[in-house]
PDB file of N, CA and C in Angstrom:
ATOM      1  N   MET A   1       7.650   8.795  12.713  1.00  0.00           N
ATOM      2  CA  MET A   1       6.645   8.782  13.607  1.00  0.00           C
ATOM      3  C   MET A   1       5.424   9.241  12.836  1.00  0.00           C
ATOM      4  N   ILE A   2       5.339  10.518  11.901  1.00  0.00           N
ATOM      5  CA  ILE A   2       4.592  11.007  11.097  1.00  0.00           C
ATOM      6  C   ILE A   2       3.963  10.067  10.127  1.00  0.00           C
ATOM      7  N   ASN A   3       4.972   9.266   9.502  1.00  0.00           N
ATOM      8  CA  ASN A   3       4.435   8.351   8.640  1.00  0.00           C
ATOM      9  C   ASN A   3       3.615   7.283   9.382  1.00  0.00           C
ATOM     10  N   ALA A   4       3.994   6.947  10.432  1.00  0.00           N
ATOM     11  CA  ALA A   4       3.080   5.799  11.038  1.00  0.00           C
ATOM     12  C   ALA A   4       1.959   6.190  11.559  1.00  0.00           C
ATOM     13  N   LEU A   5       1.800   7.454  11.893  1.00  0.00           N
ATOM     14  CA  LEU A   5       0.514   7.931  12.511  1.00  0.00           C
ATOM     15  C   LEU A   5      -0.381   8.292  11.328  1.00  0.00           C
ATOM     16  N   THR A   6      -0.006   8.751  10.307  1.00  0.00           N
ATOM     17  CA  THR A   6      -0.663   8.950   9.005  1.00  0.00           C
ATOM     18  C   THR A   6      -0.975   7.537   8.519  1.00  0.00           C
ATOM     19  N   LEU A   7      -0.408   6.672   8.421  1.00  0.00           N
ATOM     20  CA  LEU A   7      -0.934   5.205   8.171  1.00  0.00           C
ATOM     21  C   LEU A   7      -1.954   4.638   8.970  1.00  0.00           C
ATOM     22  N   PHE A   8      -1.690   4.713  10.139  1.00  0.00           N
ATOM     23  CA  PHE A   8      -2.590   4.348  11.282  1.00  0.00           C
ATOM     24  C   PHE A   8      -4.042   4.950  11.016  1.00  0.00           C
ATOM     25  N   SER A   9      -3.910   6.364  11.124  1.00  0.00           N
ATOM     26  CA  SER A   9      -5.310   7.192  10.879  1.00  0.00           C
ATOM     27  C   SER A   9      -5.865   7.006   9.402  1.00  0.00           C
ATOM     28  N   GLY A  10      -5.080   6.826   8.463  1.00  0.00           N
ATOM     29  CA  GLY A  10      -5.673   6.680   7.115  1.00  0.00           C
ATOM     30  C   GLY A  10      -6.502   5.322   7.021  1.00  0.00           C
ATOM     31  N   VAL A  11      -5.782   4.170   7.541  1.00  0.00           N
ATOM     32  CA  VAL A  11      -6.302   2.833   7.522  1.00  0.00           C
ATOM     33  C   VAL A  11      -7.605   2.788   8.460  1.00  0.00           C
ATOM     34  N   SER A  12      -7.430   3.595   9.545  1.00  0.00           N
ATOM     35  CA  SER A  12      -8.468   3.442  10.408  1.00  0.00           C
ATOM     36  C   SER A  12      -9.888   3.974   9.741  1.00  0.00           C
ATOM     37  N   PHE A  13      -9.724   5.107   9.289  1.00  0.00           N
ATOM     38  CA  PHE A  13     -10.889   5.924   8.609  1.00  0.00           C
ATOM     39  C   PHE A  13     -11.383   5.086   7.411  1.00  0.00           C
ATOM     40  N   LEU A  14     -10.436   4.453   6.594  1.00  0.00           N
ATOM     41  CA  LEU A  14     -11.126   3.847   5.575  1.00  0.00           C
ATOM     42  C   LEU A  14     -11.706   2.586   6.087  1.00  0.00           C
ATOM     43  N   PHE A  15     -11.409   1.892   7.184  1.00  0.00           N
ATOM     44  CA  PHE A  15     -11.896   0.669   7.878  1.00  0.00           C
ATOM     45  C   PHE A  15     -13.171   1.022   8.094  1.00  0.00           C
ATOM     46  N   PHE A  16     -13.334   2.018   9.130  1.00  0.00           N
ATOM     47  CA  PHE A  16     -14.571   2.663   9.558  1.00  0.00           C
ATOM     48  C   PHE A  16     -15.520   3.158   8.554  1.00  0.00           C
ATOM     49  N   GLY A  17     -15.142   3.980   7.740  1.00  0.00           N
ATOM     50  CA  GLY A  17     -16.039   4.350   6.692  1.00  0.00           C
ATOM     51  C   GLY A  17     -16.802   3.321   5.919  1.00  0.00           C
ATOM     52  N   ILE A  18     -16.077   2.239   5.430  1.00  0.00           N
ATOM     53  CA  ILE A  18     -16.372   1.137   4.706  1.00  0.00           C
ATOM     54  C   ILE A  18     -17.439   0.390   5.796  1.00  0.00           C
ATOM     55  N   GLY A  19     -16.926   0.251   6.917  1.00  0.00           N
ATOM     56  CA  GLY A  19     -18.043  -0.388   7.836  1.00  0.00           C
ATOM     57  C   GLY A  19     -18.994   0.215   8.021  1.00  0.00           C
ATOM     58  N   TYR A  20     -19.036   1.759   8.016  1.00  0.00           N
ATOM     59  CA  TYR A  20     -20.341   2.348   8.291  1.00  0.00           C
ATOM     60  C   TYR A  20     -21.269   2.321   7.061  1.00  0.00           C
ATOM     61  N   LEU A  21     -20.694   1.978   5.896  1.00  0.00           N
ATOM     62  CA  LEU A  21     -21.440   1.810   4.548  1.00  0.00           C
ATOM     63  C   LEU A  21     -22.139   0.290   4.664  1.00  0.00           C
ATOM     64  N   PHE A  22     -21.241  -0.556   5.087  1.00  0.00           N
ATOM     65  CA  PHE A  22     -21.949  -1.962   4.756  1.00  0.00           C
ATOM     66  C   PHE A  22     -21.914  -2.998   6.015  1.00  0.00           C
ATOM     67  N   TRP A  23     -21.373  -2.680   7.165  1.00  0.00           N
ATOM     68  CA  TRP A  23     -21.413  -3.721   8.505  1.00  0.00           C
ATOM     69  C   TRP A  23     -22.376  -3.272   9.325  1.00  0.00           C
ATOM     70  N   PRO A  24     -23.417  -4.186   9.516  1.00  0.00           N
ATOM     71  CA  PRO A  24     -24.792  -3.608  10.178  1.00  0.00           C
ATOM     72  C   PRO A  24     -24.332  -3.162  11.730  1.00  0.00           C
ATOM     73  N   PRO A  25     -23.547  -3.682  12.268  1.00  0.00           N
ATOM     74  CA  PRO A  25     -23.208  -3.200  13.876  1.00  0.00           C
ATOM     75  C   PRO A  25     -22.839  -1.832  13.676  1.00  0.00           C
ATOM     76  N   LEU A  26     -21.843  -1.442  12.771  1.00  0.00           N
ATOM     77  CA  LEU A  26     -21.474  -0.082  12.772  1.00  0.00           C
ATOM     78  C   LEU A  26     -22.611   0.793  12.058  1.00  0.00           C
ATOM     79  N   ARG A  27     -23.272   0.218  11.356  1.00  0.00           N
ATOM     80  CA  ARG A  27     -24.502   1.221  10.791  1.00  0.00           C
ATOM     81  C   ARG A  27     -25.665   1.474  11.569  1.00  0.00           C
ATOM     82  N   ARG A  28     -25.713   0.648  12.479  1.00  0.00           N
ATOM     83  CA  ARG A  28     -26.724   0.932  13.691  1.00  0.00           C
ATOM     84  C   ARG A  28     -26.153   2.051  14.635  1.00  0.00           C
ATOM     85  N   GLU A  29     -24.917   2.155  14.749  1.00  0.00           N
ATOM     86  CA  GLU A  29     -24.294   3.431  15.568  1.00  0.00           C
ATOM     87  C   GLU A  29     -24.741   4.594  15.112  1.00  0.00           C
ATOM     88  N   PHE A  30     -25.015   4.891  13.869  1.00  0.00           N
ATOM     89  CA  PHE A  30     -25.564   6.074  13.445  1.00  0.00           C
ATOM     90  C   PHE A  30     -26.879   6.383  13.915  1.00  0.00           C
ATOM     91  N   GLY A  31     -27.742   5.402  14.090  1.00  0.00           N
ATOM     92  CA  GLY A  31     -29.021   5.284  14.964  1.00  0.00           C
ATOM     93  C   GLY A  31     -28.848   6.051  16.298  1.00  0.00           C
ATOM     94  N   ARG A  32     -28.019   5.431  16.904  1.00  0.00           N
ATOM     95  CA  ARG A  32     -27.586   5.797  18.337  1.00  0.00           C
ATOM     96  C   ARG A  32     -27.300   7.141  18.596  1.00  0.00           C
ATOM     97  N   TYR A  33     -26.472   7.660  17.441  1.00  0.00           N
ATOM     98  CA  TYR A  33     -26.058   9.171  17.332  1.00  0.00           C
ATOM     99  C   TYR A  33     -27.073  10.056  17.101  1.00  0.00           C
ATOM    100  N   GLY A  34     -28.108   9.476  16.434  1.00  0.00           N
ATOM    101  CA  GLY A  34     -29.433  10.440  15.865  1.00  0.00           C
ATOM    102  C   GLY A  34     -28.916  10.806  14.421  1.00  0.00           C
ATOM    103  N   LEU A  35     -27.964   9.970  13.848  1.00  0.00           N
ATOM    104  CA  LEU A  35     -27.608  10.667  12.619  1.00  0.00           C
ATOM    105  C   LEU A  35     -27.891   9.683  11.168  1.00  0.00           C
ATOM    106  N   LYS A  36     -28.789   8.899  11.518  1.00  0.00           N
ATOM    107  CA  LYS A  36     -29.078   7.987  10.464  1.00  0.00           C
ATOM    108  C   LYS A  36     -29.201   8.565   9.003  1.00  0.00           C
ATOM    109  N   ARG A  37     -29.917   9.574   9.112  1.00  0.00           N
ATOM    110  CA  ARG A  37     -30.158  10.088   7.545  1.00  0.00           C
ATOM    111  C   ARG A  37     -28.820  10.690   6.920  1.00  0.00           C
ATOM    112  N   ILE A  38     -27.613  10.879   7.704  1.00  0.00           N
ATOM    113  CA  ILE A  38     -26.511  11.306   7.087  1.00  0.00           C
ATOM    114  C   ILE A  38     -25.281  10.365   7.116  1.00  0.00           C
ATOM    115  N   ARG A  39     -25.725   8.984   7.449  1.00  0.00           N
ATOM    116  CA  ARG A  39     -24.713   7.899   7.511  1.00  0.00           C
ATOM    117  C   ARG A  39     -23.855   7.806   6.354  1.00  0.00           C
ATOM    118  N   VAL A  40     -24.554   7.827   5.205  1.00  0.00           N
ATOM    119  CA  VAL A  40     -23.664   7.372   3.828  1.00  0.00           C
ATOM    120  C   VAL A  40     -22.908   8.708   3.584  1.00  0.00           C
ATOM    121  N   PRO A  41     -23.148   9.696   3.508  1.00  0.00           N
ATOM    122  CA  PRO A  41     -22.217  10.930   3.364  1.00  0.00           C
ATOM    123  C   PRO A  41     -21.156  10.991   4.313  1.00  0.00           C
ATOM    124  N   LEU A  42     -21.318  10.627   5.528  1.00  0.00           N
ATOM    125  CA  LEU A  42     -20.350  10.957   6.598  1.00  0.00           C
ATOM    126  C   LEU A  42     -19.351   9.541   6.297  1.00  0.00           C
ATOM    127  N   ALA A  43     -19.916   8.498   6.075  1.00  0.00           N
ATOM    128  CA  ALA A  43     -19.118   7.310   5.746  1.00  0.00           C
ATOM    129  C   ALA A  43     -18.111   7.549   4.660  1.00  0.00           C
ATOM    130  N   VAL A  44     -18.734   8.166   3.427  1.00  0.00           N
ATOM    131  CA  VAL A  44     -18.031   8.399   2.427  1.00  0.00           C
ATOM    132  C   VAL A  44     -16.897   9.431   2.535  1.00  0.00           C
ATOM    133  N   LEU A  45     -17.196  10.621   3.502  1.00  0.00           N
ATOM    134  CA  LEU A  45     -16.083  11.451   3.845  1.00  0.00           C
ATOM    135  C   LEU A  45     -15.196  10.863   4.553  1.00  0.00           C
ATOM    136  N   GLN A  46     -15.473   9.915   5.318  1.00  0.00           N
ATOM    137  CA  GLN A  46     -14.484   9.015   6.126  1.00  0.00           C
ATOM    138  C   GLN A  46     -13.450   8.268   5.215  1.00  0.00           C
ATOM    139  N   VAL A  47     -14.141   7.688   4.133  1.00  0.00           N
ATOM    140  CA  VAL A  47     -13.147   6.784   3.197  1.00  0.00           C
ATOM    141  C   VAL A  47     -12.472   7.775   2.396  1.00  0.00           C
ATOM    142  N   VAL A  48     -12.987   9.105   1.911  1.00  0.00           N
ATOM    143  CA  VAL A  48     -12.231   9.977   1.293  1.00  0.00           C
ATOM    144  C   VAL A  48     -11.052  10.412   2.172  1.00  0.00           C
ATOM    145  N   GLY A  49     -11.380  10.881   3.317  1.00  0.00           N
ATOM    146  CA  GLY A  49     -10.203  11.389   4.118  1.00  0.00           C
ATOM    147  C   GLY A  49      -9.034  10.436   4.262  1.00  0.00           C
ATOM    148  N   GLY A  50      -9.552   8.985   4.762  1.00  0.00           N
ATOM    149  CA  GLY A  50      -8.534   8.007   4.937  1.00  0.00           C
ATOM    150  C   GLY A  50      -7.695   7.792   3.710  1.00  0.00           C
ATOM    151  N   ALA A  51      -8.223   7.821   2.564  1.00  0.00           N
ATOM    152  CA  ALA A  51      -7.617   7.564   1.082  1.00  0.00           C
ATOM    153  C   ALA A  51      -6.624   8.779   1.182  1.00  0.00           C
ATOM    154  N   GLY A  52      -7.146  10.114   1.530  1.00  0.00           N
ATOM    155  CA  GLY A  52      -6.230  11.282   1.171  1.00  0.00           C
ATOM    156  C   GLY A  52      -4.908  11.094   2.173  1.00  0.00           C
ATOM    157  N   GLN A  53      -5.370  10.558   3.430  1.00  0.00           N
ATOM    158  CA  GLN A  53      -4.185  10.411   4.392  1.00  0.00           C
ATOM    159  C   GLN A  53      -3.207   9.443   3.718  1.00  0.00           C
ATOM    160  N   LEU A  54      -3.703   8.441   3.234  1.00  0.00           N
ATOM    161  CA  LEU A  54      -2.766   7.442   2.512  1.00  0.00           C
ATOM    162  C   LEU A  54      -1.938   7.813   1.333  1.00  0.00           C
ATOM    163  N   LEU A  55      -2.827   8.415   0.546  1.00  0.00           N
ATOM    164  CA  LEU A  55      -1.971   9.252  -0.568  1.00  0.00           C
ATOM    165  C   LEU A  55      -1.008  10.022  -0.225  1.00  0.00           C
ATOM    166  N   SER A  56      -1.301  10.826   0.838  1.00  0.00           N
ATOM    167  CA  SER A  56      -0.355  11.909   1.128  1.00  0.00           C
ATOM    168  C   SER A  56       1.057  11.365   1.513  1.00  0.00           C
ATOM    169  N   LEU A  57       1.213  10.002   1.717  1.00  0.00           N
ATOM    170  CA  LEU A  57       2.465   9.436   1.983  1.00  0.00           C
ATOM    171  C   LEU A  57       3.312   9.523   0.687  1.00  0.00           C
ATOM    172  N   VAL A  58       2.796   9.518  -0.411  1.00  0.00           N
ATOM    173  CA  VAL A  58       3.339   9.496  -1.669  1.00  0.00           C
ATOM    174  C   VAL A  58       3.155  11.019  -2.533  1.00  0.00           C
ATOM    175  N   TYR A  59       2.195  11.826  -1.994  1.00  0.00           N
ATOM    176  CA  TYR A  59       1.905  13.113  -2.573  1.00  0.00           C
ATOM    177  C   TYR A  59       1.592  13.978  -1.304  1.00  0.00           C
ATOM    178  N   PRO A  60       2.591  14.500  -0.785  1.00  0.00           N
ATOM    179  CA  PRO A  60       2.304  15.305   0.585  1.00  0.00           C
ATOM    180  C   PRO A  60       1.317  16.502   0.780  1.00  0.00           C
ATOM    181  N   PRO A  61       1.159  17.175  -0.544  1.00  0.00           N
ATOM    182  CA  PRO A  61       0.101  18.125  -0.430  1.00  0.00           C
ATOM    183  C   PRO A  61      -1.281  17.852  -0.044  1.00  0.00           C
ATOM    184  N   LEU A  62      -1.481  16.501   0.205  1.00  0.00           N
ATOM    185  CA  LEU A  62      -2.885  15.956   0.261  1.00  0.00           C
ATOM    186  C   LEU A  62      -2.714  15.912   2.068  1.00  0.00           C
ATOM    187  N   ALA A  63      -1.798  16.037   2.760  1.00  0.00           N
ATOM    188  CA  ALA A  63      -1.703  15.688   4.050  1.00  0.00           C
ATOM    189  C   ALA A  63      -2.687  16.789   4.897  1.00  0.00           C
ATOM    190  N   MET A  64      -2.453  17.902   4.550  1.00  0.00           N
ATOM    191  CA  MET A  64      -3.202  19.097   5.210  1.00  0.00           C
ATOM    192  C   MET A  64      -4.617  18.957   5.056  1.00  0.00           C
ATOM    193  N   PRO A  65      -5.215  19.008   3.847  1.00  0.00           N
ATOM    194  CA  PRO A  65      -6.648  18.860   3.850  1.00  0.00           C
ATOM    195  C   PRO A  65      -7.201  17.560   4.349  1.00  0.00           C
ATOM    196  N   ALA A  66      -6.591  16.425   4.337  1.00  0.00           N
ATOM    197  CA  ALA A  66      -7.000  15.066   4.677  1.00  0.00           C
ATOM    198  C   ALA A  66      -7.190  15.438   6.304  1.00  0.00           C
ATOM    199  N   ALA A  67      -6.012  15.709   6.967  1.00  0.00           N
ATOM    200  CA  ALA A  67      -6.045  15.741   8.530  1.00  0.00           C
ATOM    201  C   ALA A  67      -6.988  16.648   9.032  1.00  0.00           C
ATOM    202  N   LEU A  68      -7.147  17.893   8.200  1.00  0.00           N
ATOM    203  CA  LEU A  68      -8.208  18.954   8.591  1.00  0.00           C
ATOM    204  C   LEU A  68      -9.767  18.309   8.595  1.00  0.00           C
ATOM    205  N   GLY A  69      -9.881  17.746   7.475  1.00  0.00           N
ATOM    206  CA  GLY A  69     -11.301  17.229   7.364  1.00  0.00           C
ATOM    207  C   GLY A  69     -11.509  16.289   8.446  1.00  0.00           C
ATOM    208  N   LEU A  70     -10.431  15.305   8.607  1.00  0.00           N
ATOM    209  CA  LEU A  70     -10.905  14.145   9.628  1.00  0.00           C
ATOM    210  C   LEU A  70     -10.956  14.599  10.970  1.00  0.00           C
ATOM    211  N   GLY A  71      -9.906  15.704  11.222  1.00  0.00           N
ATOM    212  CA  GLY A  71      -9.890  16.446  12.469  1.00  0.00           C
ATOM    213  C   GLY A  71     -11.211  16.945  12.775  1.00  0.00           C
ATOM    214  N   ALA A  72     -11.571  17.950  11.966  1.00  0.00           N
ATOM    215  CA  ALA A  72     -12.934  18.483  12.093  1.00  0.00           C
ATOM    216  C   ALA A  72     -14.114  17.498  12.205  1.00  0.00           C
ATOM    217  N   MET A  73     -13.965  16.315  11.654  1.00  0.00           N
ATOM    218  CA  MET A  73     -15.118  15.302  11.782  1.00  0.00           C
ATOM    219  C   MET A  73     -14.937  14.776  13.221  1.00  0.00           C
ATOM    220  N   MET A  74     -13.829  14.779  13.576  1.00  0.00           N
ATOM    221  CA  MET A  74     -13.635  14.032  15.149  1.00  0.00           C
ATOM    222  C   MET A  74     -14.003  15.037  15.970  1.00  0.00           C
ATOM    223  N   ALA A  75     -13.836  16.448  15.879  1.00  0.00           N
ATOM    224  CA  ALA A  75     -14.233  17.469  16.879  1.00  0.00           C
ATOM    225  C   ALA A  75     -15.789  17.443  16.850  1.00  0.00           C
ATOM    226  N   ILE A  76     -16.361  17.373  15.725  1.00  0.00           N
ATOM    227  CA  ILE A  76     -17.782  17.363  15.643  1.00  0.00           C
ATOM    228  C   ILE A  76     -18.400  16.087  16.373  1.00  0.00           C
ATOM    229  N   ALA A  77     -17.654  14.793  16.204  1.00  0.00           N
ATOM    230  CA  ALA A  77     -17.975  13.826  16.782  1.00  0.00           C
ATOM    231  C   ALA A  77     -18.011  13.655  18.392  1.00  0.00           C
ATOM    232  N   ILE A  78     -17.166  14.491  18.832  1.00  0.00           N
ATOM    233  CA  ILE A  78     -16.887  14.443  20.330  1.00  0.00           C
ATOM    234  C   ILE A  78     -18.189  15.340  20.720  1.00  0.00           C
ATOM    235  N   GLY A  79     -18.506  16.473  20.110  1.00  0.00           N
ATOM    236  CA  GLY A  79     -19.538  17.292  20.321  1.00  0.00           C
ATOM    237  C   GLY A  79     -21.030  16.430  20.374  1.00  0.00           C
ATOM    238  N   VAL A  80     -21.013  15.533  19.256  1.00  0.00           N
ATOM    239  CA  VAL A  80     -22.257  14.409  19.219  1.00  0.00           C
ATOM    240  C   VAL A  80     -22.110  13.638  20.508  1.00  0.00           C
ATOM    241  N   ARG A  81     -21.244  13.159  20.852  1.00  0.00           N
ATOM    242  CA  ARG A  81     -21.017  12.147  21.913  1.00  0.00           C
ATOM    243  C   ARG A  81     -21.413  12.744  23.383  1.00  0.00           C
ATOM    244  N   VAL A  82     -20.922  14.093  23.511  1.00  0.00           N
ATOM    245  CA  VAL A  82     -21.473  14.936  24.533  1.00  0.00           C
ATOM    246  C   VAL A  82     -22.850  15.112  24.680  1.00  0.00           C
ATOM    247  N   TRP A  83     -23.525  15.305  23.384  1.00  0.00           N
ATOM    248  CA  TRP A  83     -24.767  15.661  23.374  1.00  0.00           C
ATOM    249  C   TRP A  83     -25.846  14.392  23.546  1.00  0.00           C
ATOM    250  N   ILE A  84     -25.406  13.285  23.306  1.00  0.00           N
ATOM    251  CA  ILE A  84     -26.083  12.210  23.537  1.00  0.00           C
ATOM    252  C   ILE A  84     -25.688  11.588  24.938  1.00  0.00           C
ATOM    253  N   GLY A  85     -24.654  11.989  25.559  1.00  0.00           N
ATOM    254  CA  GLY A  85     -24.535  11.429  26.979  1.00  0.00           C
ATOM    255  C   GLY A  85     -23.563  10.351  27.196  1.00  0.00           C
ATOM    256  N   ASP A  86     -22.738  10.312  25.962  1.00  0.00           N
ATOM    257  CA  ASP A  86     -21.681   9.262  26.102  1.00  0.00           C
ATOM    258  C   ASP A  86     -20.659   9.465  27.380  1.00  0.00           C
ATOM    259  N   SER A  87     -20.015   8.297  27.980  1.00  0.00           N
ATOM    260  CA  SER A  87     -19.069   8.524  28.823  1.00  0.00           C
ATOM    261  C   SER A  87     -17.597   9.010  28.383  1.00  0.00           C
ATOM    262  N   LEU A  88     -16.954   9.469  29.056  1.00  0.00           N
ATOM    263  CA  LEU A  88     -15.584   9.796  28.780  1.00  0.00           C
ATOM    264  C   LEU A  88     -14.814   8.649  28.126  1.00  0.00           C
ATOM    265  N   VAL A  89     -15.102   7.551  28.457  1.00  0.00           N
ATOM    266  CA  VAL A  89     -14.386   6.284  27.781  1.00  0.00           C
ATOM    267  C   VAL A  89     -14.803   5.971  26.566  1.00  0.00           C
ATOM    268  N   GLN A  90     -16.215   6.227  26.347  1.00  0.00           N
ATOM    269  CA  GLN A  90     -16.734   6.224  24.969  1.00  0.00           C
ATOM    270  C   GLN A  90     -16.174   7.250  23.909  1.00  0.00           C
ATOM    271  N   MET A  91     -15.832   8.240  24.488  1.00  0.00           N
ATOM    272  CA  MET A  91     -15.420   9.403  23.764  1.00  0.00           C
ATOM    273  C   MET A  91     -13.959   9.367  23.504  1.00  0.00           C
ATOM    274  N   LEU A  92     -13.256   8.322  24.280  1.00  0.00           N
ATOM    275  CA  LEU A  92     -11.751   8.602  24.005  1.00  0.00           C
ATOM    276  C   LEU A  92     -11.116   8.199  22.661  1.00  0.00           C
ATOM    277  N   PRO A  93     -11.696   7.263  21.877  1.00  0.00           N
ATOM    278  CA  PRO A  93     -11.270   7.104  20.464  1.00  0.00           C
ATOM    279  C   PRO A  93     -11.662   8.307  19.544  1.00  0.00           C
ATOM    280  N   ALA A  94     -12.474   9.108  19.673  1.00  0.00           N
ATOM    281  CA  ALA A  94     -12.735  10.232  18.839  1.00  0.00           C
ATOM    282  C   ALA A  94     -11.779  11.608  19.467  1.00  0.00           C
ATOM    283  N   VAL A  95     -11.466  11.533  20.751  1.00  0.00           N
ATOM    284  CA  VAL A  95     -10.427  12.269  21.254  1.00  0.00           C
ATOM    285  C   VAL A  95      -9.300  11.801  20.761  1.00  0.00           C
ATOM    286  N   ALA A  96      -8.671  10.752  20.710  1.00  0.00           N
ATOM    287  CA  ALA A  96      -7.373  10.346  20.270  1.00  0.00           C
ATOM    288  C   ALA A  96      -7.410  10.679  18.847  1.00  0.00           C
ATOM    289  N   TYR A  97      -8.299  10.194  17.964  1.00  0.00           N
ATOM    290  CA  TYR A  97      -8.280  10.526  16.484  1.00  0.00           C
ATOM    291  C   TYR A  97      -8.154  12.162  16.293  1.00  0.00           C
ATOM    292  N   LEU A  98      -8.893  12.787  17.016  1.00  0.00           N
ATOM    293  CA  LEU A  98      -8.863  14.497  16.995  1.00  0.00           C
ATOM    294  C   LEU A  98      -7.392  14.711  17.294  1.00  0.00           C
ATOM    295  N   LEU A  99      -6.619  14.285  18.448  1.00  0.00           N
ATOM    296  CA  LEU A  99      -5.456  14.907  18.768  1.00  0.00           C
ATOM    297  C   LEU A  99      -4.367  14.259  17.670  1.00  0.00           C
ATOM    298  N   ALA A 100      -4.449  13.185  17.110  1.00  0.00           N
ATOM    299  CA  ALA A 100      -3.699  12.477  16.122  1.00  0.00           C
ATOM    300  C   ALA A 100      -3.736  13.364  14.793  1.00  0.00           C
ATOM    301  N   ASN A 101      -5.019  13.855  14.282  1.00  0.00           N
ATOM    302  CA  ASN A 101      -4.844  14.625  13.156  1.00  0.00           C
ATOM    303  C   ASN A 101      -4.574  16.133  13.407  1.00  0.00           C
ATOM    304  N   ALA A 102      -4.793  16.419  14.614  1.00  0.00           N
ATOM    305  CA  ALA A 102      -4.094  17.870  14.859  1.00  0.00           C
ATOM    306  C   ALA A 102      -2.628  17.866  14.829  1.00  0.00           C
ATOM    307  N   TYR A 103      -2.091  16.689  15.380  1.00  0.00           N
ATOM    308  CA  TYR A 103      -0.507  16.634  15.245  1.00  0.00           C
ATOM    309  C   TYR A 103      -0.112  16.666  13.694  1.00  0.00           C
ATOM    310  N   LEU A 104      -0.871  15.759  12.946  1.00  0.00           N
ATOM    311  CA  LEU A 104      -0.560  15.764  11.585  1.00  0.00           C
ATOM    312  C   LEU A 104      -0.798  17.121  10.901  1.00  0.00           C
ATOM    313  N   ILE A 105      -1.790  17.956  11.000  1.00  0.00           N
ATOM    314  CA  ILE A 105      -1.863  19.460  10.548  1.00  0.00           C
ATOM    315  C   ILE A 105      -0.694  20.110  11.078  1.00  0.00           C
ATOM    316  N   TRP A 106      -0.400  20.011  12.201  1.00  0.00           N
ATOM    317  CA  TRP A 106       0.870  20.796  12.616  1.00  0.00           C
ATOM    318  C   TRP A 106       2.028  20.527  11.919  1.00  0.00           C
ATOM    319  N   ALA A 107       2.389  19.058  11.691  1.00  0.00           N
ATOM    320  CA  ALA A 107       3.434  18.494  11.132  1.00  0.00           C
ATOM    321  C   ALA A 107       3.262  19.038   9.509  1.00  0.00           C
ATOM    322  N   ALA A 108       2.086  19.055   9.025  1.00  0.00           N
ATOM    323  CA  ALA A 108       1.942  19.476   7.541  1.00  0.00           C
ATOM    324  C   ALA A 108       2.385  21.069   7.470  1.00  0.00           C
ATOM    325  N   VAL A 109       2.074  21.628   8.418  1.00  0.00           N
ATOM    326  CA  VAL A 109       2.152  23.096   8.461  1.00  0.00           C
ATOM    327  C   VAL A 109       3.797  23.261   8.627  1.00  0.00           C
ATOM    328  N   ALA A 110       4.337  22.592   9.372  1.00  0.00           N
ATOM    329  CA  ALA A 110       5.823  22.646   9.729  1.00  0.00           C
ATOM    330  C   ALA A 110       6.821  22.222   8.539  1.00  0.00           C
ATOM    331  N   ARG A 111       6.103  21.519   7.520  1.00  0.00           N
ATOM    332  CA  ARG A 111       7.109  21.124   6.642  1.00  0.00           C
ATOM    333  C   ARG A 111       7.582  22.368   5.688  1.00  0.00           C
TER     334      ARG A 111
END
């Protein structure tokens, strides 16, 4: 289960990070969040975190820092979504990724 969750989270963050860099519909989301100026650094952090999670499947010491970084990013994302008035339904993906990465942090500590 840990490997499947790591794979899912890693691929998701790679996909969204690359999308936030290059795909116009996702790029526009940063305007809605009020974060246009920091879109590129945040997207790069998502790509790095996703890659770190995938690499942790073969090099486990990367599991903790990757999950910590992505979990922190999702905690902040929830705060941003509350700030801009998103509905609970709009926040659910960020909440789900926060919980997934919290579990991966716990699993890395338990190893």
